[in-house]
Amino acid sequence: MRAAAAAVALCGLLAGCAGTGAAGSGPDGADNRFISGDGNMTRYAPGDRKSVQGVTGEHLDGKPFKLSELKGKVVVVNFWASWCAPCRGEAPSLEQVYTENKAKGVEFVGVNFKDSKANAEAFERKFKVTYPSLFDADGRVTLAFREVPPSAIPSTLVLDRQGRVAARIIGATTYSKLNPLVAEVVAEK
């Protein structure tokens, strides 16, 4: 049953890039489980956050990755592809939020979805992306987020220090949307 649900979530991602009007909902699909949402952004109350476990993969440079090694840090996970126009549009904002917050212990991880490694590397060079990205050509990394699926490309998750999803943005994000979310989760104790 879980495999079927994961496959349905993956099919949604395969449909293409997200616009800015995608609906957000709580982790169980009900709107009563989150703090607030504005159509494509959802913030989850600490008691309603879903933990993300067992995420492993390989960086674009081939080095292994385990999300569990970042526990204790705020982590921003951005799902992107070189073929996605909104991903190109949000890349400078993501890099700016990363640059401004990395000294505070905030980690960023990109998840390059259904792409070629060469195109992904070219995207990172062109947009001067300095945080690491995982290569997810077969969708396995993305499926590991099935508890709160990204739902579209691009999507961004903000994980709290316990490795739980504190916020989800479906569609392209901006500096003015992402930076306050990151600051809010960093301020949590």
N, C-alpha and C. Protein backbone atom coordinates (compact mmCIF):
# COMPACT_ATOMS: atom_id res chain seq x y z
N MET A 1 0.82 -1.19 0.00
CA MET A 1 0.00 0.00 0.00
C MET A 1 0.87 1.26 0.00
N ARG A 2 1.93 1.25 0.84
CA ARG A 2 2.84 2.41 0.88
C ARG A 2 3.51 2.60 -0.46
N ALA A 3 3.88 1.51 -1.11
CA ALA A 3 4.53 1.61 -2.41
C ALA A 3 3.59 2.25 -3.42
N ALA A 4 2.31 1.90 -3.36
CA ALA A 4 1.34 2.48 -4.28
C ALA A 4 1.18 3.97 -4.03
N ALA A 5 1.12 4.37 -2.76
CA ALA A 5 1.01 5.79 -2.42
C ALA A 5 2.24 6.55 -2.88
N ALA A 6 3.39 5.95 -2.70
CA ALA A 6 4.63 6.59 -3.13
C ALA A 6 4.66 6.74 -4.65
N ALA A 7 4.18 5.73 -5.35
CA ALA A 7 4.15 5.80 -6.80
C ALA A 7 3.22 6.90 -7.28
N VAL A 8 2.08 7.06 -6.61
CA VAL A 8 1.15 8.14 -6.96
C VAL A 8 1.81 9.50 -6.74
N ALA A 9 2.52 9.65 -5.62
CA ALA A 9 3.22 10.91 -5.35
C ALA A 9 4.27 11.18 -6.41
N LEU A 10 5.00 10.16 -6.80
CA LEU A 10 6.02 10.32 -7.82
C LEU A 10 5.41 10.69 -9.16
N CYS A 11 4.26 10.13 -9.49
CA CYS A 11 3.59 10.47 -10.74
C CYS A 11 3.24 11.95 -10.78
N GLY A 12 2.84 12.49 -9.65
CA GLY A 12 2.53 13.92 -9.59
C GLY A 12 3.76 14.75 -9.92
N LEU A 13 4.91 14.33 -9.45
CA LEU A 13 6.14 15.05 -9.75
C LEU A 13 6.49 14.95 -11.22
N LEU A 14 6.20 13.81 -11.81
CA LEU A 14 6.55 13.61 -13.20
C LEU A 14 5.70 14.45 -14.14
N ALA A 15 4.59 14.99 -13.63
CA ALA A 15 3.70 15.77 -14.47
C ALA A 15 4.34 17.07 -14.93
N GLY A 16 5.38 17.51 -14.27
CA GLY A 16 6.07 18.71 -14.73
C GLY A 16 6.22 19.74 -13.65
N CYS A 17 6.62 20.92 -14.05
CA CYS A 17 6.87 22.01 -13.12
C CYS A 17 5.59 22.50 -12.49
N ALA A 18 5.71 22.99 -11.27
CA ALA A 18 4.56 23.53 -10.56
C ALA A 18 4.41 25.00 -10.86
N GLY A 19 3.20 25.45 -10.87
CA GLY A 19 2.92 26.87 -10.92
C GLY A 19 2.91 27.40 -9.50
N THR A 20 2.46 28.62 -9.32
CA THR A 20 2.43 29.18 -7.98
C THR A 20 1.07 29.02 -7.32
N GLY A 21 0.13 28.36 -7.97
CA GLY A 21 -1.20 28.26 -7.40
C GLY A 21 -1.52 26.90 -6.83
N ALA A 22 -0.56 26.03 -6.63
CA ALA A 22 -0.81 24.69 -6.09
C ALA A 22 -1.29 24.80 -4.66
N ALA A 23 -2.24 23.98 -4.29
CA ALA A 23 -2.81 24.05 -2.95
C ALA A 23 -1.93 23.34 -1.95
N GLY A 24 -1.88 23.87 -0.74
CA GLY A 24 -1.14 23.25 0.35
C GLY A 24 -2.13 22.66 1.34
N SER A 25 -1.75 21.59 2.02
CA SER A 25 -2.60 21.01 3.04
C SER A 25 -1.74 20.39 4.10
N GLY A 26 -2.37 19.99 5.17
CA GLY A 26 -1.64 19.39 6.27
C GLY A 26 -1.08 18.04 5.89
N PRO A 27 -0.24 17.46 6.78
CA PRO A 27 0.42 16.20 6.46
C PRO A 27 -0.54 15.06 6.20
N ASP A 28 -1.76 15.13 6.74
CA ASP A 28 -2.73 14.07 6.52
C ASP A 28 -3.75 14.44 5.45
N GLY A 29 -3.50 15.57 4.74
CA GLY A 29 -4.42 16.02 3.72
C GLY A 29 -5.49 16.95 4.25
N ALA A 30 -5.58 17.09 5.56
CA ALA A 30 -6.59 17.95 6.17
C ALA A 30 -5.98 19.30 6.50
N ASP A 31 -6.72 20.36 6.23
CA ASP A 31 -6.21 21.70 6.45
C ASP A 31 -6.11 22.08 7.92
N ASN A 32 -6.62 21.28 8.85
CA ASN A 32 -6.60 21.65 10.26
C ASN A 32 -5.31 21.30 10.98
N ARG A 33 -4.33 20.76 10.29
CA ARG A 33 -3.11 20.30 10.95
C ARG A 33 -1.93 21.22 10.77
N PHE A 34 -2.12 22.36 10.14
CA PHE A 34 -0.99 23.24 9.94
C PHE A 34 -1.27 24.62 10.50
N ILE A 35 -0.20 25.37 10.72
CA ILE A 35 -0.32 26.70 11.28
C ILE A 35 -0.95 27.64 10.28
N SER A 36 -0.37 27.69 9.10
CA SER A 36 -0.91 28.58 8.07
C SER A 36 -0.48 28.11 6.70
N GLY A 37 -1.22 28.55 5.71
CA GLY A 37 -0.88 28.26 4.33
C GLY A 37 -1.39 29.39 3.45
N ASP A 38 -0.71 29.65 2.36
CA ASP A 38 -1.15 30.73 1.47
C ASP A 38 -1.36 30.23 0.05
N GLY A 39 -1.80 29.02 -0.11
CA GLY A 39 -2.00 28.46 -1.44
C GLY A 39 -0.89 27.52 -1.83
N ASN A 40 0.35 28.00 -1.80
CA ASN A 40 1.45 27.11 -2.16
C ASN A 40 2.48 26.97 -1.04
N MET A 41 2.24 27.56 0.12
CA MET A 41 3.16 27.44 1.26
C MET A 41 2.37 26.97 2.48
N THR A 42 2.94 25.98 3.17
CA THR A 42 2.32 25.45 4.37
C THR A 42 3.34 25.41 5.48
N ARG A 43 2.98 25.93 6.65
CA ARG A 43 3.81 25.86 7.86
C ARG A 43 3.12 24.89 8.82
N TYR A 44 3.89 23.94 9.36
CA TYR A 44 3.33 22.92 10.24
C TYR A 44 3.67 23.22 11.70
N ALA A 45 2.70 23.05 12.58
CA ALA A 45 2.92 23.20 14.01
C ALA A 45 3.87 22.10 14.48
N PRO A 46 4.73 22.37 15.47
CA PRO A 46 5.69 21.35 15.91
C PRO A 46 5.08 19.98 16.22
N GLY A 47 3.91 19.94 16.83
CA GLY A 47 3.28 18.67 17.15
C GLY A 47 2.72 17.92 15.96
N ASP A 48 2.58 18.59 14.83
CA ASP A 48 2.00 17.98 13.64
C ASP A 48 3.02 17.70 12.54
N ARG A 49 4.28 17.90 12.85
CA ARG A 49 5.33 17.71 11.85
C ARG A 49 5.65 16.25 11.64
N LYS A 50 5.85 15.89 10.38
CA LYS A 50 6.22 14.53 10.02
C LYS A 50 7.73 14.42 9.90
N SER A 51 8.26 13.36 10.49
CA SER A 51 9.70 13.12 10.44
C SER A 51 10.08 12.52 9.10
N VAL A 52 11.23 12.91 8.61
CA VAL A 52 11.77 12.36 7.36
C VAL A 52 12.92 11.45 7.75
N GLN A 53 12.76 10.17 7.50
CA GLN A 53 13.76 9.18 7.90
C GLN A 53 14.31 8.45 6.69
N GLY A 54 15.52 7.98 6.81
CA GLY A 54 16.08 7.08 5.81
C GLY A 54 16.39 7.70 4.46
N VAL A 55 16.58 9.01 4.40
CA VAL A 55 16.91 9.63 3.12
C VAL A 55 18.41 9.47 2.87
N THR A 56 18.72 8.78 1.83
CA THR A 56 20.12 8.60 1.42
C THR A 56 20.20 8.83 -0.08
N GLY A 57 21.37 9.09 -0.54
CA GLY A 57 21.55 9.30 -1.97
C GLY A 57 23.00 9.56 -2.28
N GLU A 58 23.20 10.13 -3.44
CA GLU A 58 24.55 10.43 -3.92
C GLU A 58 24.56 11.85 -4.47
N HIS A 59 25.56 12.62 -4.02
CA HIS A 59 25.74 13.97 -4.53
C HIS A 59 26.07 13.91 -6.02
N LEU A 60 25.90 15.03 -6.70
CA LEU A 60 26.26 15.10 -8.12
C LEU A 60 27.71 14.69 -8.36
N ASP A 61 28.57 14.96 -7.36
CA ASP A 61 29.99 14.59 -7.50
C ASP A 61 30.27 13.14 -7.13
N GLY A 62 29.22 12.38 -6.79
CA GLY A 62 29.37 10.96 -6.49
C GLY A 62 29.54 10.61 -5.04
N LYS A 63 29.70 11.60 -4.16
CA LYS A 63 29.88 11.32 -2.73
C LYS A 63 28.55 10.89 -2.11
N PRO A 64 28.59 9.93 -1.18
CA PRO A 64 27.36 9.47 -0.54
C PRO A 64 26.77 10.53 0.39
N PHE A 65 25.45 10.46 0.59
CA PHE A 65 24.74 11.42 1.43
C PHE A 65 23.75 10.68 2.32
N LYS A 66 23.68 11.09 3.59
CA LYS A 66 22.68 10.60 4.54
C LYS A 66 22.09 11.81 5.23
N LEU A 67 20.79 12.03 5.08
CA LEU A 67 20.13 13.16 5.73
C LEU A 67 20.28 13.08 7.24
N SER A 68 20.33 11.89 7.79
CA SER A 68 20.45 11.71 9.24
C SER A 68 21.71 12.36 9.79
N GLU A 69 22.73 12.54 8.97
CA GLU A 69 23.97 13.18 9.42
C GLU A 69 23.79 14.68 9.66
N LEU A 70 22.67 15.24 9.20
CA LEU A 70 22.40 16.67 9.40
C LEU A 70 21.43 16.92 10.55
N LYS A 71 21.03 15.85 11.26
CA LYS A 71 20.12 16.02 12.38
C LYS A 71 20.76 16.97 13.39
N GLY A 72 19.94 17.86 13.95
CA GLY A 72 20.43 18.89 14.86
C GLY A 72 20.62 20.22 14.15
N LYS A 73 20.48 20.21 12.82
CA LYS A 73 20.58 21.44 12.03
C LYS A 73 19.26 21.69 11.31
N VAL A 74 18.99 22.94 11.00
CA VAL A 74 17.88 23.28 10.13
C VAL A 74 18.35 22.98 8.71
N VAL A 75 17.51 22.29 7.95
CA VAL A 75 17.90 21.87 6.60
C VAL A 75 16.81 22.31 5.61
N VAL A 76 17.23 22.94 4.54
CA VAL A 76 16.34 23.31 3.45
C VAL A 76 16.61 22.34 2.31
N VAL A 77 15.55 21.65 1.86
CA VAL A 77 15.67 20.68 0.77
C VAL A 77 14.87 21.22 -0.41
N ASN A 78 15.55 21.44 -1.52
CA ASN A 78 14.89 21.97 -2.71
C ASN A 78 14.93 20.93 -3.82
N PHE A 79 13.75 20.60 -4.35
CA PHE A 79 13.60 19.64 -5.44
C PHE A 79 13.56 20.43 -6.75
N TRP A 80 14.48 20.11 -7.66
CA TRP A 80 14.63 20.90 -8.88
C TRP A 80 15.07 20.04 -10.05
N ALA A 81 15.01 20.63 -11.23
CA ALA A 81 15.52 19.99 -12.45
C ALA A 81 15.98 21.09 -13.41
N SER A 82 16.95 20.77 -14.21
CA SER A 82 17.48 21.77 -15.16
C SER A 82 16.45 22.12 -16.22
N TRP A 83 15.52 21.22 -16.51
CA TRP A 83 14.51 21.44 -17.55
C TRP A 83 13.33 22.26 -17.05
N CYS A 84 13.33 22.65 -15.79
CA CYS A 84 12.19 23.32 -15.16
C CYS A 84 12.42 24.84 -15.12
N ALA A 85 11.63 25.60 -15.88
CA ALA A 85 11.78 27.06 -15.93
C ALA A 85 11.61 27.72 -14.56
N PRO A 86 10.61 27.36 -13.75
CA PRO A 86 10.50 27.97 -12.42
C PRO A 86 11.72 27.67 -11.53
N CYS A 87 12.36 26.53 -11.75
CA CYS A 87 13.57 26.20 -10.99
C CYS A 87 14.69 27.18 -11.31
N ARG A 88 14.80 27.54 -12.58
CA ARG A 88 15.81 28.52 -12.98
C ARG A 88 15.49 29.88 -12.35
N GLY A 89 14.21 30.22 -12.28
CA GLY A 89 13.81 31.49 -11.71
C GLY A 89 14.07 31.61 -10.22
N GLU A 90 13.95 30.51 -9.49
CA GLU A 90 14.13 30.57 -8.04
C GLU A 90 15.58 30.36 -7.60
N ALA A 91 16.44 29.90 -8.48
CA ALA A 91 17.82 29.56 -8.12
C ALA A 91 18.56 30.71 -7.43
N PRO A 92 18.50 31.95 -7.93
CA PRO A 92 19.21 33.04 -7.23
C PRO A 92 18.68 33.29 -5.81
N SER A 93 17.38 33.17 -5.61
CA SER A 93 16.81 33.37 -4.27
C SER A 93 17.28 32.29 -3.31
N LEU A 94 17.29 31.05 -3.77
CA LEU A 94 17.76 29.95 -2.92
C LEU A 94 19.22 30.17 -2.53
N GLU A 95 20.03 30.54 -3.48
CA GLU A 95 21.45 30.77 -3.20
C GLU A 95 21.63 31.91 -2.20
N GLN A 96 20.83 32.98 -2.34
CA GLN A 96 20.94 34.11 -1.42
C GLN A 96 20.55 33.71 0.00
N VAL A 97 19.46 32.96 0.15
CA VAL A 97 19.04 32.51 1.49
C VAL A 97 20.11 31.59 2.07
N TYR A 98 20.66 30.70 1.26
CA TYR A 98 21.73 29.82 1.73
C TYR A 98 22.94 30.62 2.20
N THR A 99 23.39 31.54 1.38
CA THR A 99 24.57 32.34 1.71
C THR A 99 24.38 33.11 3.02
N GLU A 100 23.20 33.66 3.22
CA GLU A 100 22.93 34.46 4.41
C GLU A 100 22.73 33.63 5.67
N ASN A 101 22.43 32.35 5.53
CA ASN A 101 22.10 31.53 6.70
C ASN A 101 23.08 30.41 7.01
N LYS A 102 24.03 30.14 6.14
CA LYS A 102 24.94 29.01 6.39
C LYS A 102 25.78 29.22 7.64
N ALA A 103 26.13 30.46 7.98
CA ALA A 103 26.91 30.72 9.20
C ALA A 103 26.09 30.45 10.46
N LYS A 104 24.77 30.39 10.32
CA LYS A 104 23.89 30.08 11.45
C LYS A 104 23.68 28.57 11.59
N GLY A 105 24.38 27.80 10.77
CA GLY A 105 24.27 26.35 10.83
C GLY A 105 23.16 25.78 9.97
N VAL A 106 22.61 26.57 9.07
CA VAL A 106 21.55 26.08 8.18
C VAL A 106 22.21 25.39 6.99
N GLU A 107 21.74 24.21 6.69
CA GLU A 107 22.24 23.43 5.56
C GLU A 107 21.21 23.45 4.43
N PHE A 108 21.67 23.47 3.22
CA PHE A 108 20.82 23.37 2.03
C PHE A 108 21.23 22.11 1.28
N VAL A 109 20.24 21.42 0.74
CA VAL A 109 20.49 20.25 -0.09
C VAL A 109 19.51 20.32 -1.26
N GLY A 110 20.05 20.31 -2.46
CA GLY A 110 19.19 20.21 -3.63
C GLY A 110 18.95 18.75 -3.95
N VAL A 111 17.82 18.47 -4.56
CA VAL A 111 17.54 17.12 -5.07
C VAL A 111 17.21 17.30 -6.55
N ASN A 112 18.16 16.93 -7.39
CA ASN A 112 17.99 17.05 -8.83
C ASN A 112 17.20 15.85 -9.32
N PHE A 113 16.02 16.10 -9.84
CA PHE A 113 15.03 15.07 -10.14
C PHE A 113 14.89 14.82 -11.64
N LYS A 114 14.96 13.55 -12.03
CA LYS A 114 14.69 13.12 -13.41
C LYS A 114 15.43 13.98 -14.43
N ASP A 115 16.73 14.00 -14.31
CA ASP A 115 17.57 14.86 -15.11
C ASP A 115 18.81 14.08 -15.51
N SER A 116 19.63 14.65 -16.36
CA SER A 116 20.93 14.06 -16.64
C SER A 116 21.96 14.75 -15.74
N LYS A 117 22.97 14.02 -15.39
CA LYS A 117 24.00 14.59 -14.52
C LYS A 117 24.68 15.78 -15.20
N ALA A 118 24.94 15.69 -16.49
CA ALA A 118 25.59 16.79 -17.21
C ALA A 118 24.74 18.05 -17.19
N ASN A 119 23.44 17.91 -17.42
CA ASN A 119 22.55 19.07 -17.38
C ASN A 119 22.45 19.66 -15.98
N ALA A 120 22.43 18.80 -14.97
CA ALA A 120 22.37 19.27 -13.59
C ALA A 120 23.63 20.06 -13.23
N GLU A 121 24.77 19.54 -13.62
CA GLU A 121 26.03 20.23 -13.33
C GLU A 121 26.11 21.57 -14.07
N ALA A 122 25.62 21.60 -15.31
CA ALA A 122 25.60 22.86 -16.08
C ALA A 122 24.69 23.88 -15.42
N PHE A 123 23.55 23.44 -14.91
CA PHE A 123 22.61 24.32 -14.20
C PHE A 123 23.30 24.94 -12.98
N GLU A 124 23.98 24.10 -12.20
CA GLU A 124 24.65 24.61 -11.00
C GLU A 124 25.75 25.61 -11.35
N ARG A 125 26.48 25.37 -12.42
CA ARG A 125 27.51 26.33 -12.84
C ARG A 125 26.87 27.64 -13.29
N LYS A 126 25.85 27.55 -14.14
CA LYS A 126 25.21 28.75 -14.69
C LYS A 126 24.62 29.62 -13.59
N PHE A 127 23.97 29.01 -12.60
CA PHE A 127 23.30 29.78 -11.55
C PHE A 127 24.15 29.93 -10.28
N LYS A 128 25.41 29.49 -10.37
CA LYS A 128 26.37 29.65 -9.27
C LYS A 128 25.82 29.08 -7.95
N VAL A 129 25.26 27.88 -8.04
CA VAL A 129 24.73 27.18 -6.86
C VAL A 129 25.92 26.60 -6.10
N THR A 130 26.07 27.00 -4.83
CA THR A 130 27.23 26.55 -4.04
C THR A 130 26.89 25.48 -3.02
N TYR A 131 25.61 25.22 -2.77
CA TYR A 131 25.25 24.14 -1.85
C TYR A 131 25.15 22.84 -2.65
N PRO A 132 25.30 21.70 -1.97
CA PRO A 132 25.31 20.42 -2.69
C PRO A 132 23.92 19.98 -3.16
N SER A 133 23.92 19.20 -4.21
CA SER A 133 22.69 18.60 -4.72
C SER A 133 22.87 17.10 -4.86
N LEU A 134 21.79 16.38 -4.62
CA LEU A 134 21.76 14.94 -4.83
C LEU A 134 21.27 14.67 -6.25
N PHE A 135 21.80 13.63 -6.85
CA PHE A 135 21.39 13.23 -8.19
C PHE A 135 20.32 12.16 -8.03
N ASP A 136 19.10 12.47 -8.47
CA ASP A 136 17.95 11.59 -8.26
C ASP A 136 17.29 11.23 -9.60
N ALA A 137 18.06 10.64 -10.49
CA ALA A 137 17.57 10.33 -11.82
C ALA A 137 16.40 9.35 -11.78
N ASP A 138 16.39 8.43 -10.81
CA ASP A 138 15.34 7.42 -10.77
C ASP A 138 14.22 7.73 -9.79
N GLY A 139 14.30 8.84 -9.07
CA GLY A 139 13.23 9.25 -8.16
C GLY A 139 13.26 8.61 -6.78
N ARG A 140 14.25 7.81 -6.46
CA ARG A 140 14.29 7.13 -5.16
C ARG A 140 14.45 8.09 -3.99
N VAL A 141 15.28 9.11 -4.14
CA VAL A 141 15.46 10.09 -3.06
C VAL A 141 14.14 10.81 -2.81
N THR A 142 13.49 11.22 -3.87
CA THR A 142 12.22 11.94 -3.75
C THR A 142 11.17 11.07 -3.05
N LEU A 143 11.13 9.78 -3.35
CA LEU A 143 10.18 8.87 -2.71
C LEU A 143 10.40 8.76 -1.21
N ALA A 144 11.62 8.99 -0.75
CA ALA A 144 11.91 8.91 0.68
C ALA A 144 11.19 10.02 1.46
N PHE A 145 10.69 11.03 0.77
CA PHE A 145 9.95 12.13 1.40
C PHE A 145 8.45 11.92 1.32
N ARG A 146 7.99 10.69 1.20
CA ARG A 146 6.57 10.40 0.98
C ARG A 146 5.65 10.84 2.11
N GLU A 147 6.17 11.02 3.34
CA GLU A 147 5.31 11.48 4.44
C GLU A 147 4.77 12.89 4.19
N VAL A 148 5.58 13.75 3.61
CA VAL A 148 5.16 15.09 3.19
C VAL A 148 5.81 15.30 1.82
N PRO A 149 5.19 14.75 0.79
CA PRO A 149 5.84 14.75 -0.53
C PRO A 149 5.98 16.16 -1.09
N PRO A 150 7.04 16.37 -1.87
CA PRO A 150 7.22 17.68 -2.48
C PRO A 150 6.09 18.03 -3.44
N SER A 151 5.44 17.07 -4.06
CA SER A 151 4.26 17.22 -4.91
C SER A 151 4.48 17.85 -6.27
N ALA A 152 5.57 18.55 -6.50
CA ALA A 152 5.81 19.18 -7.80
C ALA A 152 7.27 19.60 -7.87
N ILE A 153 7.71 19.90 -9.06
CA ILE A 153 9.04 20.46 -9.27
C ILE A 153 8.82 21.88 -9.75
N PRO A 154 9.36 22.89 -9.11
CA PRO A 154 10.15 22.85 -7.89
C PRO A 154 9.27 22.77 -6.65
N SER A 155 9.85 22.27 -5.59
CA SER A 155 9.26 22.30 -4.25
C SER A 155 10.40 22.45 -3.26
N THR A 156 10.10 23.05 -2.11
CA THR A 156 11.11 23.27 -1.08
C THR A 156 10.54 22.88 0.26
N LEU A 157 11.32 22.10 1.01
CA LEU A 157 10.95 21.72 2.38
C LEU A 157 11.95 22.35 3.33
N VAL A 158 11.45 22.84 4.48
CA VAL A 158 12.31 23.33 5.55
C VAL A 158 12.17 22.33 6.69
N LEU A 159 13.26 21.69 7.06
CA LEU A 159 13.26 20.68 8.13
C LEU A 159 13.78 21.31 9.41
N ASP A 160 13.14 20.98 10.53
CA ASP A 160 13.62 21.49 11.82
C ASP A 160 14.80 20.65 12.31
N ARG A 161 15.31 20.98 13.48
CA ARG A 161 16.51 20.31 13.99
C ARG A 161 16.29 18.83 14.31
N GLN A 162 15.03 18.42 14.43
CA GLN A 162 14.72 17.01 14.68
C GLN A 162 14.49 16.24 13.38
N GLY A 163 14.68 16.90 12.25
CA GLY A 163 14.49 16.23 10.97
C GLY A 163 13.04 16.10 10.56
N ARG A 164 12.19 17.01 11.07
CA ARG A 164 10.77 17.01 10.75
C ARG A 164 10.45 18.16 9.80
N VAL A 165 9.46 17.97 8.94
CA VAL A 165 9.09 19.00 7.97
C VAL A 165 8.33 20.11 8.69
N ALA A 166 8.95 21.29 8.77
CA ALA A 166 8.36 22.46 9.41
C ALA A 166 7.57 23.31 8.42
N ALA A 167 7.97 23.26 7.15
CA ALA A 167 7.29 24.04 6.12
C ALA A 167 7.51 23.40 4.76
N ARG A 168 6.54 23.63 3.88
CA ARG A 168 6.64 23.13 2.51
C ARG A 168 6.15 24.22 1.56
N ILE A 169 6.94 24.47 0.53
CA ILE A 169 6.56 25.41 -0.52
C ILE A 169 6.46 24.61 -1.81
N ILE A 170 5.29 24.63 -2.42
CA ILE A 170 5.09 23.94 -3.69
C ILE A 170 5.14 24.99 -4.79
N GLY A 171 6.02 24.79 -5.74
CA GLY A 171 6.24 25.77 -6.79
C GLY A 171 7.47 26.59 -6.45
N ALA A 172 7.77 27.53 -7.32
CA ALA A 172 8.95 28.36 -7.14
C ALA A 172 8.83 29.21 -5.87
N THR A 173 9.94 29.36 -5.18
CA THR A 173 9.97 30.20 -3.98
C THR A 173 10.73 31.48 -4.29
N THR A 174 10.65 32.40 -3.34
CA THR A 174 11.36 33.67 -3.45
C THR A 174 12.13 33.91 -2.17
N TYR A 175 13.05 34.85 -2.21
CA TYR A 175 13.80 35.22 -1.02
C TYR A 175 12.83 35.68 0.08
N SER A 176 11.88 36.53 -0.27
CA SER A 176 10.97 37.09 0.75
C SER A 176 10.03 36.05 1.34
N LYS A 177 9.85 34.94 0.68
CA LYS A 177 9.02 33.87 1.24
C LYS A 177 9.87 32.88 2.05
N LEU A 178 11.03 32.49 1.51
CA LEU A 178 11.83 31.45 2.15
C LEU A 178 12.63 31.95 3.34
N ASN A 179 13.25 33.10 3.23
CA ASN A 179 14.13 33.56 4.31
C ASN A 179 13.40 33.69 5.65
N PRO A 180 12.18 34.27 5.72
CA PRO A 180 11.49 34.32 7.01
C PRO A 180 11.14 32.94 7.56
N LEU A 181 10.82 31.98 6.69
CA LEU A 181 10.55 30.61 7.14
C LEU A 181 11.79 30.00 7.78
N VAL A 182 12.92 30.18 7.13
CA VAL A 182 14.18 29.64 7.66
C VAL A 182 14.48 30.30 9.00
N ALA A 183 14.34 31.61 9.08
CA ALA A 183 14.61 32.34 10.33
C ALA A 183 13.70 31.85 11.46
N GLU A 184 12.46 31.59 11.15
CA GLU A 184 11.51 31.11 12.15
C GLU A 184 11.93 29.75 12.70
N VAL A 185 12.34 28.86 11.82
CA VAL A 185 12.74 27.52 12.27
C VAL A 185 14.08 27.58 13.00
N VAL A 186 14.99 28.44 12.56
CA VAL A 186 16.27 28.62 13.27
C VAL A 186 16.03 29.12 14.69
N ALA A 187 15.02 29.97 14.88
CA ALA A 187 14.75 30.55 16.20
C ALA A 187 14.12 29.55 17.17
N GLU A 188 13.58 28.44 16.65
CA GLU A 188 13.00 27.42 17.54
C GLU A 188 14.10 26.78 18.39
N LYS A 189 13.76 26.49 19.61
CA LYS A 189 14.74 25.83 20.50
C LYS A 189 14.34 24.42 20.80
